[in-house]
Amino acid sequence: MNDKEKLLQQLRANAFPHNNGLVMRAVNIIRHGYNRMVDVQQAAEIWGVDEDDFLDSVNFLALAKYVELRTIAERMAVPDFADVDWKLLEVRLTDRGIRVMQGNIKDEMIEV
């Protein structure tokens, strides 16, 4: 890995908590219901989060149990984000995710 690649990797790692917070804010638009992932991605993109970084954030947030994912058509829970095309999913914050957004839970990987 050359210096330029190392620098880009470090910049991306430094942006990860910020991106996670932006994605959570986008999901939080409608707290009581699910949001289509494509809509959340568009909101995050307006705030400067590109698609790859958005998908990285959703994967982390799902693994950390800050968001729940389900299919749009069948409304079936999706236990592993990697198993389903993200454009077929909808998302909402879990109770833990809401607590992070309210400041009751601190996570160094999420900038609120």
Protein backbone atom coordinates (compact mmCIF):
# COMPACT_ATOMS: atom_id res chain seq x y z
CA MET A 1 0.00 0.00 0.00
CA ASN A 2 1.49 3.33 -1.03
CA ASP A 3 1.27 6.58 0.93
CA LYS A 4 -1.69 7.90 -1.04
CA GLU A 5 -3.69 4.71 -0.39
CA LYS A 6 -2.79 4.82 3.31
CA LEU A 7 -3.91 8.44 3.55
CA LEU A 8 -7.22 7.71 1.81
CA GLN A 9 -7.81 4.72 4.10
CA GLN A 10 -7.13 6.87 7.18
CA LEU A 11 -9.42 9.65 5.96
CA ARG A 12 -12.21 7.14 5.38
CA ALA A 13 -11.70 5.60 8.83
CA ASN A 14 -11.83 9.05 10.44
CA ALA A 15 -15.10 9.82 8.61
CA PHE A 16 -16.76 6.56 9.71
CA PRO A 17 -18.22 7.82 13.04
CA HIS A 18 -19.46 11.00 11.34
CA ASN A 19 -21.07 8.98 8.53
CA ASN A 20 -22.69 6.61 11.05
CA GLY A 21 -24.26 9.59 12.80
CA LEU A 22 -25.56 11.03 9.54
CA VAL A 23 -27.08 7.70 8.53
CA MET A 24 -28.75 7.38 11.93
CA ARG A 25 -30.18 10.90 11.55
CA ALA A 26 -31.54 9.97 8.13
CA VAL A 27 -33.18 6.84 9.58
CA ASN A 28 -34.52 8.89 12.50
CA ILE A 29 -36.65 11.06 10.20
CA ILE A 30 -39.63 8.79 10.96
CA ARG A 31 -38.87 7.17 14.30
CA HIS A 32 -42.09 5.22 14.76
CA GLY A 33 -41.97 3.50 11.37
CA TYR A 34 -39.70 2.00 8.78
CA ASN A 35 -38.01 4.01 6.03
CA ARG A 36 -37.12 2.60 2.64
CA MET A 37 -33.36 2.19 2.42
CA VAL A 38 -33.25 3.98 -0.94
CA ASP A 39 -34.85 7.04 0.69
CA VAL A 40 -32.43 6.94 3.61
CA GLN A 41 -29.50 6.59 1.20
CA GLN A 42 -30.66 9.62 -0.78
CA ALA A 43 -30.91 11.71 2.39
CA ALA A 44 -27.46 10.58 3.51
CA GLU A 45 -26.05 11.36 0.07
CA ILE A 46 -27.43 14.92 0.28
CA TRP A 47 -25.48 15.23 3.55
CA GLY A 48 -22.29 14.01 1.84
CA VAL A 49 -22.26 10.25 2.48
CA ASP A 50 -21.56 8.32 -0.73
CA GLU A 51 -23.21 4.96 -1.42
CA ASP A 52 -20.25 2.79 -0.36
CA ASP A 53 -19.84 4.63 2.93
CA PHE A 54 -23.61 4.49 3.46
CA LEU A 55 -23.59 0.71 3.04
CA ASP A 56 -20.61 0.40 5.41
CA SER A 57 -22.50 2.43 8.01
CA VAL A 58 -25.74 0.45 7.66
CA ASN A 59 -23.80 -2.80 8.00
CA PHE A 60 -22.12 -1.55 11.20
CA LEU A 61 -25.34 -0.12 12.64
CA ALA A 62 -27.19 -3.39 11.96
CA LEU A 63 -24.42 -5.52 13.49
CA ALA A 64 -24.35 -3.24 16.54
CA LYS A 65 -28.14 -3.53 16.87
CA TYR A 66 -28.79 0.18 16.41
CA VAL A 67 -31.07 -0.42 13.43
CA GLU A 68 -33.49 -3.14 12.35
CA LEU A 69 -33.83 -4.18 8.73
CA ARG A 70 -36.72 -5.90 7.02
CA THR A 71 -37.83 -6.62 3.48
CA ILE A 72 -40.27 -4.14 1.99
CA ALA A 73 -42.49 -6.68 0.21
CA GLU A 74 -42.80 -9.42 2.85
CA ARG A 75 -41.98 -7.35 5.94
CA MET A 76 -39.64 -10.12 7.03
CA ALA A 77 -36.79 -9.33 9.41
CA VAL A 78 -33.34 -9.51 7.85
CA PRO A 79 -30.79 -10.87 10.33
CA ASP A 80 -27.77 -10.29 8.04
CA PHE A 81 -27.52 -7.20 5.85
CA ALA A 82 -25.16 -9.02 3.47
CA ASP A 83 -27.83 -11.56 2.53
CA VAL A 84 -30.32 -9.25 0.78
CA ASP A 85 -30.12 -6.55 -1.88
CA TRP A 86 -30.24 -3.34 0.16
CA LYS A 87 -32.64 -1.68 -2.28
CA LEU A 88 -35.30 -4.22 -1.25
CA LEU A 89 -35.08 -3.27 2.43
CA GLU A 90 -36.47 -0.78 4.87
CA VAL A 91 -34.91 0.30 8.14
CA ARG A 92 -35.76 1.82 11.51
CA LEU A 93 -33.90 2.62 14.70
CA THR A 94 -34.00 0.14 17.55
CA ASP A 95 -34.50 1.25 21.13
CA ARG A 96 -30.68 1.32 21.43
CA GLY A 97 -30.46 3.47 18.32
CA ILE A 98 -32.97 5.93 19.73
CA ARG A 99 -31.00 6.08 22.99
CA VAL A 100 -27.83 6.91 21.03
CA MET A 101 -29.63 9.68 19.16
CA GLN A 102 -30.94 11.07 22.47
CA GLY A 103 -27.46 10.98 24.03
CA ASN A 104 -28.29 8.32 26.66
CA ILE A 105 -25.83 5.83 25.13
CA LYS A 106 -22.37 6.90 23.96
CA ASP A 107 -20.56 5.03 21.20
CA GLU A 108 -17.22 6.24 19.88
CA MET A 109 -18.18 4.89 16.46
CA ILE A 110 -21.18 7.23 16.18
CA GLU A 111 -20.94 11.01 16.08
CA VAL A 112 -24.28 12.47 17.10
